[in-house]
Amino acid sequence: MGMLFCFKFVEKNIRPAFITTFHGAYSVNKYSSIMAKGDMVIVVSKTIKKYVLKNYKVDKKKLFLIIEVFQKKNFLRNIMPLENG
């Protein structure tokens, strides 16, 4: 919470973006509500997006759905660990 307080004293045009992510259906409390206060709030599924909209005060325009980022084809195959470290 302290970081958000500090942001209030920095001009909007020069302060860094505060980006948060919801990876799951967190319990709704003061601690987890910080996740909904980002300039941009990333959600990892349609289900989590619905959950966030239902349970937190967040502007729908700030939510961004990013799913299936991991693609197995982008990783090298047949990699063997080095022997003896």
N, C-alpha and C. Protein backbone atom coordinates (compact mmCIF):
# COMPACT_ATOMS: atom_id res chain seq x y z
N MET A 1 0.82 -1.19 0.00
CA MET A 1 0.00 0.00 0.00
C MET A 1 0.87 1.26 0.00
N GLY A 2 2.05 1.18 0.60
CA GLY A 2 2.92 2.33 0.68
C GLY A 2 3.35 2.84 -0.67
N MET A 3 3.56 1.92 -1.63
CA MET A 3 3.98 2.35 -2.96
C MET A 3 2.90 3.19 -3.62
N LEU A 4 1.65 2.80 -3.48
CA LEU A 4 0.56 3.58 -4.07
C LEU A 4 0.51 4.97 -3.45
N PHE A 5 0.75 5.06 -2.17
CA PHE A 5 0.76 6.35 -1.50
C PHE A 5 1.87 7.23 -2.08
N CYS A 6 3.03 6.66 -2.32
CA CYS A 6 4.16 7.41 -2.89
C CYS A 6 3.84 7.90 -4.29
N PHE A 7 3.11 7.11 -5.06
CA PHE A 7 2.76 7.48 -6.44
C PHE A 7 1.96 8.78 -6.48
N LYS A 8 1.21 9.07 -5.43
CA LYS A 8 0.38 10.27 -5.41
C LYS A 8 1.22 11.54 -5.52
N PHE A 9 2.47 11.47 -5.14
CA PHE A 9 3.33 12.64 -5.14
C PHE A 9 4.17 12.79 -6.41
N VAL A 10 4.02 11.86 -7.33
CA VAL A 10 4.76 11.91 -8.59
C VAL A 10 3.78 12.28 -9.70
N GLU A 11 4.18 13.23 -10.52
CA GLU A 11 3.31 13.66 -11.62
C GLU A 11 2.98 12.48 -12.53
N LYS A 12 1.72 12.40 -12.97
CA LYS A 12 1.26 11.27 -13.77
C LYS A 12 2.08 11.06 -15.04
N ASN A 13 2.52 12.16 -15.65
CA ASN A 13 3.24 12.02 -16.92
C ASN A 13 4.66 11.48 -16.77
N ILE A 14 5.19 11.41 -15.54
CA ILE A 14 6.55 10.90 -15.36
C ILE A 14 6.63 9.68 -14.44
N ARG A 15 5.55 9.31 -13.78
CA ARG A 15 5.61 8.17 -12.88
C ARG A 15 5.51 6.85 -13.67
N PRO A 16 6.14 5.81 -13.18
CA PRO A 16 6.06 4.51 -13.87
C PRO A 16 4.65 3.93 -13.75
N ALA A 17 4.30 3.11 -14.71
CA ALA A 17 3.00 2.43 -14.67
C ALA A 17 3.01 1.39 -13.55
N PHE A 18 1.89 1.25 -12.89
CA PHE A 18 1.73 0.25 -11.84
C PHE A 18 0.87 -0.87 -12.42
N ILE A 19 1.52 -1.98 -12.77
CA ILE A 19 0.84 -3.09 -13.44
C ILE A 19 0.75 -4.26 -12.47
N THR A 20 -0.45 -4.81 -12.36
CA THR A 20 -0.67 -5.95 -11.45
C THR A 20 -1.24 -7.12 -12.23
N THR A 21 -1.20 -8.30 -11.61
CA THR A 21 -1.77 -9.49 -12.24
C THR A 21 -2.59 -10.28 -11.24
N PHE A 22 -3.69 -10.81 -11.72
CA PHE A 22 -4.51 -11.76 -10.96
C PHE A 22 -4.28 -13.13 -11.59
N HIS A 23 -3.64 -14.02 -10.83
CA HIS A 23 -3.39 -15.38 -11.32
C HIS A 23 -4.41 -16.37 -10.78
N GLY A 24 -5.24 -15.92 -9.85
CA GLY A 24 -6.21 -16.82 -9.24
C GLY A 24 -7.30 -16.04 -8.54
N ALA A 25 -8.22 -16.79 -7.95
CA ALA A 25 -9.35 -16.18 -7.24
C ALA A 25 -8.92 -15.95 -5.79
N TYR A 26 -8.22 -14.84 -5.57
CA TYR A 26 -7.71 -14.51 -4.24
C TYR A 26 -8.87 -14.20 -3.29
N SER A 27 -8.63 -14.44 -2.00
CA SER A 27 -9.64 -14.06 -1.03
C SER A 27 -9.80 -12.53 -1.06
N VAL A 28 -11.03 -12.08 -0.90
CA VAL A 28 -11.32 -10.65 -1.00
C VAL A 28 -11.05 -10.00 0.35
N ASN A 29 -9.98 -9.23 0.43
CA ASN A 29 -9.63 -8.51 1.64
C ASN A 29 -8.75 -7.32 1.27
N LYS A 30 -8.39 -6.54 2.26
CA LYS A 30 -7.59 -5.34 2.01
C LYS A 30 -6.25 -5.68 1.36
N TYR A 31 -5.64 -6.76 1.80
CA TYR A 31 -4.34 -7.17 1.28
C TYR A 31 -4.40 -7.47 -0.22
N SER A 32 -5.38 -8.27 -0.64
CA SER A 32 -5.45 -8.64 -2.06
C SER A 32 -6.09 -7.56 -2.92
N SER A 33 -6.75 -6.59 -2.31
CA SER A 33 -7.39 -5.53 -3.10
C SER A 33 -6.37 -4.66 -3.82
N ILE A 34 -5.12 -4.67 -3.37
CA ILE A 34 -4.06 -3.90 -4.05
C ILE A 34 -3.92 -4.35 -5.50
N MET A 35 -4.22 -5.61 -5.77
CA MET A 35 -4.10 -6.14 -7.13
C MET A 35 -5.05 -5.45 -8.09
N ALA A 36 -6.16 -4.91 -7.60
CA ALA A 36 -7.15 -4.25 -8.45
C ALA A 36 -6.85 -2.76 -8.64
N LYS A 37 -5.80 -2.27 -8.02
CA LYS A 37 -5.51 -0.84 -8.06
C LYS A 37 -4.47 -0.45 -9.10
N GLY A 38 -4.07 -1.39 -9.94
CA GLY A 38 -3.06 -1.10 -10.94
C GLY A 38 -3.57 -0.18 -12.04
N ASP A 39 -2.63 0.49 -12.71
CA ASP A 39 -2.99 1.26 -13.90
C ASP A 39 -3.46 0.30 -14.98
N MET A 40 -2.92 -0.88 -14.94
CA MET A 40 -3.29 -1.97 -15.85
C MET A 40 -3.36 -3.23 -15.00
N VAL A 41 -4.45 -3.99 -15.12
CA VAL A 41 -4.63 -5.20 -14.33
C VAL A 41 -4.75 -6.38 -15.30
N ILE A 42 -3.77 -7.25 -15.26
CA ILE A 42 -3.76 -8.42 -16.14
C ILE A 42 -4.47 -9.57 -15.45
N VAL A 43 -5.36 -10.23 -16.18
CA VAL A 43 -6.04 -11.43 -15.68
C VAL A 43 -5.69 -12.59 -16.61
N VAL A 44 -5.61 -13.80 -16.06
CA VAL A 44 -5.09 -14.92 -16.83
C VAL A 44 -6.17 -15.85 -17.41
N SER A 45 -7.42 -15.52 -17.16
CA SER A 45 -8.51 -16.32 -17.74
C SER A 45 -9.80 -15.53 -17.71
N LYS A 46 -10.77 -15.98 -18.50
CA LYS A 46 -12.09 -15.33 -18.51
C LYS A 46 -12.76 -15.50 -17.15
N THR A 47 -12.54 -16.64 -16.53
CA THR A 47 -13.12 -16.91 -15.21
C THR A 47 -12.57 -15.92 -14.17
N ILE A 48 -11.27 -15.70 -14.19
CA ILE A 48 -10.66 -14.76 -13.24
C ILE A 48 -11.13 -13.34 -13.54
N LYS A 49 -11.30 -13.00 -14.79
CA LYS A 49 -11.79 -11.67 -15.16
C LYS A 49 -13.18 -11.44 -14.55
N LYS A 50 -14.07 -12.42 -14.69
CA LYS A 50 -15.41 -12.31 -14.10
C LYS A 50 -15.33 -12.19 -12.58
N TYR A 51 -14.45 -12.98 -11.98
CA TYR A 51 -14.29 -12.97 -10.52
C TYR A 51 -13.82 -11.58 -10.04
N VAL A 52 -12.85 -11.01 -10.74
CA VAL A 52 -12.32 -9.71 -10.36
C VAL A 52 -13.41 -8.64 -10.49
N LEU A 53 -14.14 -8.66 -11.59
CA LEU A 53 -15.20 -7.66 -11.79
C LEU A 53 -16.29 -7.78 -10.73
N LYS A 54 -16.57 -8.99 -10.31
CA LYS A 54 -17.63 -9.22 -9.31
C LYS A 54 -17.18 -8.83 -7.90
N ASN A 55 -15.91 -9.05 -7.58
CA ASN A 55 -15.47 -8.94 -6.19
C ASN A 55 -14.60 -7.73 -5.84
N TYR A 56 -14.13 -7.01 -6.84
CA TYR A 56 -13.25 -5.88 -6.58
C TYR A 56 -13.74 -4.63 -7.30
N LYS A 57 -13.42 -3.49 -6.75
CA LYS A 57 -13.74 -2.22 -7.41
C LYS A 57 -12.64 -1.93 -8.41
N VAL A 58 -12.89 -2.25 -9.66
CA VAL A 58 -11.89 -2.06 -10.70
C VAL A 58 -12.58 -1.61 -11.99
N ASP A 59 -11.98 -0.67 -12.67
CA ASP A 59 -12.51 -0.18 -13.94
C ASP A 59 -12.31 -1.27 -15.00
N LYS A 60 -13.38 -1.67 -15.65
CA LYS A 60 -13.33 -2.73 -16.65
C LYS A 60 -12.31 -2.41 -17.76
N LYS A 61 -12.11 -1.13 -18.05
CA LYS A 61 -11.18 -0.71 -19.10
C LYS A 61 -9.72 -1.00 -18.72
N LYS A 62 -9.47 -1.19 -17.43
CA LYS A 62 -8.10 -1.46 -16.98
C LYS A 62 -7.75 -2.94 -17.04
N LEU A 63 -8.74 -3.81 -17.24
CA LEU A 63 -8.50 -5.25 -17.26
C LEU A 63 -8.03 -5.71 -18.63
N PHE A 64 -6.99 -6.52 -18.63
CA PHE A 64 -6.46 -7.07 -19.87
C PHE A 64 -6.33 -8.58 -19.71
N LEU A 65 -6.96 -9.30 -20.60
CA LEU A 65 -6.94 -10.76 -20.56
C LEU A 65 -5.76 -11.26 -21.39
N ILE A 66 -4.85 -11.95 -20.73
CA ILE A 66 -3.70 -12.54 -21.42
C ILE A 66 -3.68 -14.02 -21.06
N ILE A 67 -3.96 -14.86 -22.05
CA ILE A 67 -3.98 -16.30 -21.80
C ILE A 67 -3.07 -17.01 -22.79
N GLU A 68 -2.73 -18.22 -22.45
CA GLU A 68 -1.91 -19.09 -23.29
C GLU A 68 -0.61 -18.42 -23.74
N VAL A 69 0.08 -17.80 -22.82
CA VAL A 69 1.35 -17.17 -23.15
C VAL A 69 2.42 -18.22 -23.39
N PHE A 70 2.38 -19.29 -22.62
CA PHE A 70 3.37 -20.36 -22.77
C PHE A 70 3.05 -21.17 -24.01
N GLN A 71 3.99 -21.27 -24.92
CA GLN A 71 3.84 -22.13 -26.09
C GLN A 71 5.04 -23.05 -26.16
N LYS A 72 4.78 -24.33 -26.02
CA LYS A 72 5.84 -25.33 -25.95
C LYS A 72 6.77 -25.28 -27.17
N LYS A 73 6.24 -24.95 -28.32
CA LYS A 73 7.04 -24.94 -29.55
C LYS A 73 8.17 -23.90 -29.51
N ASN A 74 8.06 -22.90 -28.63
CA ASN A 74 9.07 -21.85 -28.54
C ASN A 74 10.27 -22.24 -27.68
N PHE A 75 10.26 -23.43 -27.10
CA PHE A 75 11.34 -23.85 -26.23
C PHE A 75 12.14 -24.96 -26.90
N LEU A 76 13.43 -24.96 -26.64
CA LEU A 76 14.31 -25.96 -27.24
C LEU A 76 13.98 -27.34 -26.71
N ARG A 77 14.12 -28.30 -27.59
CA ARG A 77 13.84 -29.69 -27.20
C ARG A 77 15.15 -30.45 -27.04
N ASN A 78 15.07 -31.57 -26.40
CA ASN A 78 16.20 -32.49 -26.24
C ASN A 78 17.41 -31.83 -25.57
N ILE A 79 17.16 -30.98 -24.63
CA ILE A 79 18.26 -30.36 -23.90
C ILE A 79 18.65 -31.28 -22.76
N MET A 80 19.93 -31.57 -22.69
CA MET A 80 20.44 -32.44 -21.64
C MET A 80 21.21 -31.59 -20.64
N PRO A 81 21.11 -31.90 -19.35
CA PRO A 81 21.90 -31.13 -18.36
C PRO A 81 23.39 -31.40 -18.55
N LEU A 82 24.20 -30.41 -18.21
CA LEU A 82 25.65 -30.58 -18.29
C LEU A 82 26.11 -31.59 -17.24
N GLU A 83 27.02 -32.43 -17.64
CA GLU A 83 27.57 -33.38 -16.67
C GLU A 83 28.55 -32.66 -15.75
N ASN A 84 28.54 -33.00 -14.52
CA ASN A 84 29.44 -32.41 -13.51
C ASN A 84 29.26 -30.90 -13.37
N GLY A 85 28.00 -30.43 -13.47
CA GLY A 85 27.70 -29.03 -13.20
C GLY A 85 28.04 -28.14 -14.31
